[in-house]
Amino acid sequence: MAAKNERAIKVVAENRKARFNYAIEDTVEAGIALTGTEVKSIRNGKTTIAESYADSKGGEIWLINANIPEYLQANRFNHEPKRPRKLLLHKKQINRLIGAVDREGMTLIPLKLYFNERGRAKLLLAVAKGKKLHDKRESEKKRDWSREKGRLLRARG
């Protein structure tokens, strides 16, 4: 068989704490409106989305507080590292996300920032509800028990 020249999905930044702090209801893939230096900086892999969130303004969804550091080789045409970035979604998706946030008290949390197989920067956006302290403890207990169960089964045979 001939090997195809296909690019795999390259994950650049991941919000690992999101699944611990939030109960995730639904996920949506969104494009991001970026400048050239932002794309080059993301490809370097120093981007963080851990403390970022998405918000609606004027019928559009914006990514707030995502840190894309300045591209070192760009001189005066560089970008602002924590500027709000517009997320590219269909109108139906935007209306559904805004409705979930307004009516049900949900939050829009970015889970992953990656380049898809076509080389486009995408963001996996989650509609989530914040966990209480007792929910976090419960999920930690489940995780510890599954880890211990795996150890016991491996030791047994």
Foldseek 3Di string as FASTA:
>chain_A
DDDDPWDAKFFQEFQPCDVLFWPFDDKDKWAWDDDPQLLVLSVVRPWYQNPWFWDDDPLFIKIFQTARDWRPVDDPPTDDGGDIITIHDDSVVSVVLVCCCPPVVWTKGWGTWIQHRVRGTMTIITTTDGDDPVVSVVVVVVVVVVVVVVVVVVVVD
